[in-house]
Amino acid sequence: MRSVLLRSAACAIFVSMPAFHAIAQEPREIEGPIINDDVEYIDVTGNSQRELIDALDRRSVDDGTGKRFYGHTRWALRWNFNVASEGNDCRVTSVTAELDVHLSIPRWQPPANADPALVRRWNAFVAGLRVHEDGHREIAIEAAREIEQRIESEPPASKCETLKRTVNIRANTLLDEYREKGKRYDKQTDHGRTQGAVLR
């Protein structure tokens, strides 16, 4: 019996928004990240494992680099923060991160005469795939939360332009770290295989 390994990937789009310089002193505020989830179901058809594998191959998702996957998570993270002059210093007064998460996952409507064993195998495969992709989503949420916390706790600077530049550099460094974390996650889980994302 042929087994099909989940092919999945996560794509992170990192966008830092410009900070706004407020002259008047403002109270320091921090909000939780705004999370926008979007799930795209990719319908496949078939009435045998061979047919389902062929359908998955045909409907696989391009991750933007030319590689194709059965499941895919793409996320875009943006942040906004305000700064204000206070005496001889400039400090962060507010910060908000907004995260867009787009999940693509296959969906199969079994025919009335589908083999119950095939249905069970498919359900296990998709459940494992969803667990894997949700792991990528959690990494993205961690990134958004840490960005907010790090920006909020940034020490004051003598000039607001210096503060804004420093904040964006450090935030982008954090995003690079989370991009690497996503790669390690794929390696540790064998792209979901260890989480049950195998049709067999």
C-alpha atoms as a PDB file:
ATOM      1  CA  MET A   1       0.000   0.000   0.000  1.00  0.00           C
ATOM      2  CA  ARG A   2       1.412   3.350  -0.950  1.00  0.00           C
ATOM      3  CA  SER A   3       1.745   5.993   1.730  1.00  0.00           C
ATOM      4  CA  VAL A   4       1.630   9.707   1.025  1.00  0.00           C
ATOM      5  CA  LEU A   5       3.592  12.060   3.198  1.00  0.00           C
ATOM      6  CA  LEU A   6       2.138  15.420   4.030  1.00  0.00           C
ATOM      7  CA  ARG A   7       3.813  18.134   2.084  1.00  0.00           C
ATOM      8  CA  SER A   8       3.332  21.360   3.956  1.00  0.00           C
ATOM      9  CA  ALA A   9       5.016  24.686   4.354  1.00  0.00           C
ATOM     10  CA  ALA A  10       4.563  27.967   6.130  1.00  0.00           C
ATOM     11  CA  CYS A  11       5.274  31.281   4.503  1.00  0.00           C
ATOM     12  CA  ALA A  12       5.789  34.358   6.654  1.00  0.00           C
ATOM     13  CA  ILE A  13       5.454  37.837   5.209  1.00  0.00           C
ATOM     14  CA  PHE A  14       7.060  40.368   7.461  1.00  0.00           C
ATOM     15  CA  VAL A  15       5.839  43.958   7.271  1.00  0.00           C
ATOM     16  CA  SER A  16       6.798  46.686   9.710  1.00  0.00           C
ATOM     17  CA  MET A  17       4.599  49.762   9.692  1.00  0.00           C
ATOM     18  CA  PRO A  18       6.018  53.246  10.278  1.00  0.00           C
ATOM     19  CA  ALA A  19       5.818  54.626  13.772  1.00  0.00           C
ATOM     20  CA  PHE A  20       4.106  57.924  14.452  1.00  0.00           C
ATOM     21  CA  HIS A  21       5.780  60.655  16.462  1.00  0.00           C
ATOM     22  CA  ALA A  22       3.429  62.300  18.934  1.00  0.00           C
ATOM     23  CA  ILE A  23       4.676  65.537  20.475  1.00  0.00           C
ATOM     24  CA  ALA A  24       2.370  65.551  23.453  1.00  0.00           C
ATOM     25  CA  GLN A  25       2.930  63.076  26.257  1.00  0.00           C
ATOM     26  CA  GLU A  26       0.578  60.099  26.084  1.00  0.00           C
ATOM     27  CA  PRO A  27      -0.111  57.298  28.578  1.00  0.00           C
ATOM     28  CA  ARG A  28       1.695  54.067  27.704  1.00  0.00           C
ATOM     29  CA  GLU A  29      -0.656  51.428  26.317  1.00  0.00           C
ATOM     30  CA  ILE A  30      -0.281  47.895  25.012  1.00  0.00           C
ATOM     31  CA  GLU A  31      -2.952  45.767  23.390  1.00  0.00           C
ATOM     32  CA  GLY A  32      -3.045  42.113  22.485  1.00  0.00           C
ATOM     33  CA  PRO A  33      -2.326  41.284  18.843  1.00  0.00           C
ATOM     34  CA  ILE A  34      -5.206  41.354  16.373  1.00  0.00           C
ATOM     35  CA  ILE A  35      -5.472  37.932  14.715  1.00  0.00           C
ATOM     36  CA  ASN A  36      -7.296  37.491  11.417  1.00  0.00           C
ATOM     37  CA  ASP A  37      -7.764  33.830  10.430  1.00  0.00           C
ATOM     38  CA  ASP A  38      -8.722  32.627   6.970  1.00  0.00           C
ATOM     39  CA  VAL A  39      -9.136  28.962   5.975  1.00  0.00           C
ATOM     40  CA  GLU A  40      -9.224  27.898   2.323  1.00  0.00           C
ATOM     41  CA  TYR A  41     -10.507  24.388   1.622  1.00  0.00           C
ATOM     42  CA  ILE A  42      -9.134  22.714  -1.502  1.00  0.00           C
ATOM     43  CA  ASP A  43     -11.641  20.142  -2.721  1.00  0.00           C
ATOM     44  CA  VAL A  44     -10.376  16.821  -4.055  1.00  0.00           C
ATOM     45  CA  THR A  45     -12.296  13.893  -5.516  1.00  0.00           C
ATOM     46  CA  GLY A  46     -11.685  10.169  -5.756  1.00  0.00           C
ATOM     47  CA  ASN A  47     -12.890   6.802  -4.524  1.00  0.00           C
ATOM     48  CA  SER A  48      -9.612   5.038  -3.874  1.00  0.00           C
ATOM     49  CA  GLN A  49      -6.332   5.876  -2.223  1.00  0.00           C
ATOM     50  CA  ARG A  50      -4.631   6.081  -5.636  1.00  0.00           C
ATOM     51  CA  GLU A  51      -7.243   8.537  -6.907  1.00  0.00           C
ATOM     52  CA  LEU A  52      -6.986  10.676  -3.773  1.00  0.00           C
ATOM     53  CA  ILE A  53      -3.191  10.837  -3.992  1.00  0.00           C
ATOM     54  CA  ASP A  54      -3.429  11.871  -7.644  1.00  0.00           C
ATOM     55  CA  ALA A  55      -6.002  14.533  -6.733  1.00  0.00           C
ATOM     56  CA  LEU A  56      -3.799  15.852  -3.931  1.00  0.00           C
ATOM     57  CA  ASP A  57      -0.884  16.097  -6.346  1.00  0.00           C
ATOM     58  CA  ARG A  58      -2.989  18.037  -8.846  1.00  0.00           C
ATOM     59  CA  ARG A  59      -4.423  20.455  -6.261  1.00  0.00           C
ATOM     60  CA  SER A  60      -1.266  20.976  -4.211  1.00  0.00           C
ATOM     61  CA  VAL A  61      -0.486  24.558  -3.192  1.00  0.00           C
ATOM     62  CA  ASP A  62       2.428  26.574  -4.555  1.00  0.00           C
ATOM     63  CA  ASP A  63       4.235  28.229  -1.640  1.00  0.00           C
ATOM     64  CA  GLY A  64       5.574  31.050  -3.807  1.00  0.00           C
ATOM     65  CA  THR A  65       9.010  29.487  -4.283  1.00  0.00           C
ATOM     66  CA  GLY A  66       7.995  26.882  -6.844  1.00  0.00           C
ATOM     67  CA  LYS A  67       7.538  24.119  -4.278  1.00  0.00           C
ATOM     68  CA  ARG A  68       4.126  22.519  -3.957  1.00  0.00           C
ATOM     69  CA  PHE A  69       2.443  21.224  -0.817  1.00  0.00           C
ATOM     70  CA  TYR A  70      -0.769  19.520   0.260  1.00  0.00           C
ATOM     71  CA  GLY A  71      -1.169  21.928   3.191  1.00  0.00           C
ATOM     72  CA  HIS A  72       0.135  25.442   3.558  1.00  0.00           C
ATOM     73  CA  THR A  73       0.123  28.214   6.151  1.00  0.00           C
ATOM     74  CA  ARG A  74       0.920  31.766   5.124  1.00  0.00           C
ATOM     75  CA  TRP A  75       1.098  34.608   7.619  1.00  0.00           C
ATOM     76  CA  ALA A  76       1.684  38.337   7.462  1.00  0.00           C
ATOM     77  CA  LEU A  77       2.584  40.378  10.529  1.00  0.00           C
ATOM     78  CA  ARG A  78       2.359  44.149  10.817  1.00  0.00           C
ATOM     79  CA  TRP A  79       2.956  46.422  13.764  1.00  0.00           C
ATOM     80  CA  ASN A  80       2.200  50.024  14.626  1.00  0.00           C
ATOM     81  CA  PHE A  81       3.572  51.999  17.531  1.00  0.00           C
ATOM     82  CA  ASN A  82       3.467  55.576  18.748  1.00  0.00           C
ATOM     83  CA  VAL A  83       6.263  57.489  20.429  1.00  0.00           C
ATOM     84  CA  ALA A  84       6.244  60.723  22.433  1.00  0.00           C
ATOM     85  CA  SER A  85       8.787  63.175  23.790  1.00  0.00           C
ATOM     86  CA  GLU A  86       9.042  63.298  27.555  1.00  0.00           C
ATOM     87  CA  GLY A  87      11.605  65.721  28.930  1.00  0.00           C
ATOM     88  CA  ASN A  88      14.898  64.924  27.236  1.00  0.00           C
ATOM     89  CA  ASP A  89      13.792  61.440  26.208  1.00  0.00           C
ATOM     90  CA  CYS A  90      11.493  59.820  23.678  1.00  0.00           C
ATOM     91  CA  ARG A  91       9.552  56.716  24.619  1.00  0.00           C
ATOM     92  CA  VAL A  92       7.052  54.234  23.179  1.00  0.00           C
ATOM     93  CA  THR A  93       3.505  55.094  24.240  1.00  0.00           C
ATOM     94  CA  SER A  94       1.460  52.418  22.453  1.00  0.00           C
ATOM     95  CA  VAL A  95       1.890  49.396  20.209  1.00  0.00           C
ATOM     96  CA  THR A  96      -0.412  47.075  18.304  1.00  0.00           C
ATOM     97  CA  ALA A  97       0.446  44.062  16.147  1.00  0.00           C
ATOM     98  CA  GLU A  98      -1.911  42.647  13.538  1.00  0.00           C
ATOM     99  CA  LEU A  99      -1.506  39.134  12.212  1.00  0.00           C
ATOM    100  CA  ASP A 100      -3.134  37.643   9.111  1.00  0.00           C
ATOM    101  CA  VAL A 101      -3.051  33.834   8.932  1.00  0.00           C
ATOM    102  CA  HIS A 102      -4.151  32.005   5.783  1.00  0.00           C
ATOM    103  CA  LEU A 103      -4.460  28.218   5.932  1.00  0.00           C
ATOM    104  CA  SER A 104      -4.943  26.035   2.857  1.00  0.00           C
ATOM    105  CA  ILE A 105      -6.060  22.460   3.543  1.00  0.00           C
ATOM    106  CA  PRO A 106      -7.574  19.698   1.360  1.00  0.00           C
ATOM    107  CA  ARG A 107     -11.182  18.576   1.729  1.00  0.00           C
ATOM    108  CA  TRP A 108     -12.798  15.385   0.460  1.00  0.00           C
ATOM    109  CA  GLN A 109     -16.495  14.547   0.371  1.00  0.00           C
ATOM    110  CA  PRO A 110     -16.564  10.726   0.307  1.00  0.00           C
ATOM    111  CA  PRO A 111     -18.931   9.167  -2.260  1.00  0.00           C
ATOM    112  CA  ALA A 112     -21.845   7.189  -0.867  1.00  0.00           C
ATOM    113  CA  ASN A 113     -20.083   3.929  -1.697  1.00  0.00           C
ATOM    114  CA  ALA A 114     -16.686   4.949  -0.285  1.00  0.00           C
ATOM    115  CA  ASP A 115     -14.757   2.302   1.637  1.00  0.00           C
ATOM    116  CA  PRO A 116     -15.164   3.083   5.374  1.00  0.00           C
ATOM    117  CA  ALA A 117     -11.495   2.183   5.915  1.00  0.00           C
ATOM    118  CA  LEU A 118     -10.457   4.756   3.302  1.00  0.00           C
ATOM    119  CA  VAL A 119     -12.631   7.375   4.993  1.00  0.00           C
ATOM    120  CA  ARG A 120     -10.958   6.657   8.328  1.00  0.00           C
ATOM    121  CA  ARG A 121      -7.494   6.924   6.779  1.00  0.00           C
ATOM    122  CA  TRP A 122      -8.385  10.204   5.117  1.00  0.00           C
ATOM    123  CA  ASN A 123      -9.796  11.652   8.328  1.00  0.00           C
ATOM    124  CA  ALA A 124      -6.638  10.700  10.221  1.00  0.00           C
ATOM    125  CA  PHE A 125      -4.488  12.249   7.486  1.00  0.00           C
ATOM    126  CA  VAL A 126      -6.378  15.547   7.482  1.00  0.00           C
ATOM    127  CA  ALA A 127      -6.434  15.673  11.283  1.00  0.00           C
ATOM    128  CA  GLY A 128      -2.660  15.263  11.374  1.00  0.00           C
ATOM    129  CA  LEU A 129      -2.269  17.885   8.664  1.00  0.00           C
ATOM    130  CA  ARG A 130      -4.407  20.346  10.609  1.00  0.00           C
ATOM    131  CA  VAL A 131      -2.388  19.746  13.779  1.00  0.00           C
ATOM    132  CA  HIS A 132       0.781  20.500  11.849  1.00  0.00           C
ATOM    133  CA  GLU A 133      -0.536  23.653  10.216  1.00  0.00           C
ATOM    134  CA  ASP A 134      -1.994  24.873  13.510  1.00  0.00           C
ATOM    135  CA  GLY A 135       1.530  24.558  14.895  1.00  0.00           C
ATOM    136  CA  HIS A 136       2.700  27.057  12.283  1.00  0.00           C
ATOM    137  CA  ARG A 137      -0.172  29.338  13.304  1.00  0.00           C
ATOM    138  CA  GLU A 138       0.899  29.179  16.946  1.00  0.00           C
ATOM    139  CA  ILE A 139       4.439  30.175  15.984  1.00  0.00           C
ATOM    140  CA  ALA A 140       3.025  33.195  14.160  1.00  0.00           C
ATOM    141  CA  ILE A 141       0.946  34.182  17.196  1.00  0.00           C
ATOM    142  CA  GLU A 142       4.003  33.864  19.429  1.00  0.00           C
ATOM    143  CA  ALA A 143       5.855  36.198  17.077  1.00  0.00           C
ATOM    144  CA  ALA A 144       3.061  38.788  17.212  1.00  0.00           C
ATOM    145  CA  ARG A 145       2.885  38.674  21.003  1.00  0.00           C
ATOM    146  CA  GLU A 146       6.618  38.947  21.485  1.00  0.00           C
ATOM    147  CA  ILE A 147       6.852  41.836  19.016  1.00  0.00           C
ATOM    148  CA  GLU A 148       4.282  43.760  21.035  1.00  0.00           C
ATOM    149  CA  GLN A 149       5.984  42.989  24.337  1.00  0.00           C
ATOM    150  CA  ARG A 150       9.464  43.878  23.085  1.00  0.00           C
ATOM    151  CA  ILE A 151       8.335  47.165  21.543  1.00  0.00           C
ATOM    152  CA  GLU A 152       6.375  48.114  24.653  1.00  0.00           C
ATOM    153  CA  SER A 153       9.425  47.503  26.866  1.00  0.00           C
ATOM    154  CA  GLU A 154      11.929  49.321  24.631  1.00  0.00           C
ATOM    155  CA  PRO A 155      13.959  51.802  26.746  1.00  0.00           C
ATOM    156  CA  PRO A 156      13.629  55.522  25.957  1.00  0.00           C
ATOM    157  CA  ALA A 157      16.052  57.156  23.539  1.00  0.00           C
ATOM    158  CA  SER A 158      17.312  60.718  23.262  1.00  0.00           C
ATOM    159  CA  LYS A 159      15.659  61.172  19.856  1.00  0.00           C
ATOM    160  CA  CYS A 160      12.384  59.792  18.535  1.00  0.00           C
ATOM    161  CA  GLU A 161      13.846  58.967  15.130  1.00  0.00           C
ATOM    162  CA  THR A 162      16.535  56.909  16.827  1.00  0.00           C
ATOM    163  CA  LEU A 163      13.925  55.105  18.911  1.00  0.00           C
ATOM    164  CA  LYS A 164      11.757  54.284  15.900  1.00  0.00           C
ATOM    165  CA  ARG A 165      14.703  52.989  13.924  1.00  0.00           C
ATOM    166  CA  THR A 166      15.900  50.848  16.840  1.00  0.00           C
ATOM    167  CA  VAL A 167      12.445  49.380  17.435  1.00  0.00           C
ATOM    168  CA  ASN A 168      12.010  48.345  13.795  1.00  0.00           C
ATOM    169  CA  ILE A 169      15.475  46.797  13.597  1.00  0.00           C
ATOM    170  CA  ARG A 170      14.871  44.726  16.720  1.00  0.00           C
ATOM    171  CA  ALA A 171      11.384  43.716  15.611  1.00  0.00           C
ATOM    172  CA  ASN A 172      12.655  42.493  12.244  1.00  0.00           C
ATOM    173  CA  THR A 173      15.403  40.560  14.005  1.00  0.00           C
ATOM    174  CA  LEU A 174      12.740  38.814  16.058  1.00  0.00           C
ATOM    175  CA  LEU A 175      10.810  37.961  12.909  1.00  0.00           C
ATOM    176  CA  ASP A 176      13.908  36.346  11.444  1.00  0.00           C
ATOM    177  CA  GLU A 177      14.189  34.243  14.601  1.00  0.00           C
ATOM    178  CA  TYR A 178      10.584  33.073  14.280  1.00  0.00           C
ATOM    179  CA  ARG A 179      11.081  32.275  10.600  1.00  0.00           C
ATOM    180  CA  GLU A 180      13.918  29.989  11.640  1.00  0.00           C
ATOM    181  CA  LYS A 181      11.719  28.535  14.365  1.00  0.00           C
ATOM    182  CA  GLY A 182       9.182  27.576  11.696  1.00  0.00           C
ATOM    183  CA  LYS A 183      11.881  25.814   9.706  1.00  0.00           C
ATOM    184  CA  ARG A 184      13.017  23.907  12.798  1.00  0.00           C
ATOM    185  CA  TYR A 185       9.407  22.917  13.490  1.00  0.00           C
ATOM    186  CA  ASP A 186       9.103  21.407  10.007  1.00  0.00           C
ATOM    187  CA  LYS A 187      12.356  19.536  10.482  1.00  0.00           C
ATOM    188  CA  GLN A 188      11.427  18.255  13.944  1.00  0.00           C
ATOM    189  CA  THR A 189       8.015  17.028  12.772  1.00  0.00           C
ATOM    190  CA  ASP A 190       9.256  15.775   9.388  1.00  0.00           C
ATOM    191  CA  HIS A 191       6.766  18.207   7.817  1.00  0.00           C
ATOM    192  CA  GLY A 192       3.917  16.705   9.842  1.00  0.00           C
ATOM    193  CA  ARG A 193       4.705  13.023   9.398  1.00  0.00           C
ATOM    194  CA  THR A 194       5.339  12.537  13.114  1.00  0.00           C
ATOM    195  CA  GLN A 195       1.973  14.220  13.793  1.00  0.00           C
ATOM    196  CA  GLY A 196       0.010  11.710  11.735  1.00  0.00           C
ATOM    197  CA  ALA A 197      -0.207  13.606   8.451  1.00  0.00           C
ATOM    198  CA  VAL A 198       0.242  10.488   6.321  1.00  0.00           C
ATOM    199  CA  LEU A 199      -2.358   8.866   4.071  1.00  0.00           C
ATOM    200  CA  ARG A 200      -1.746   5.119   4.191  1.00  0.00           C
END
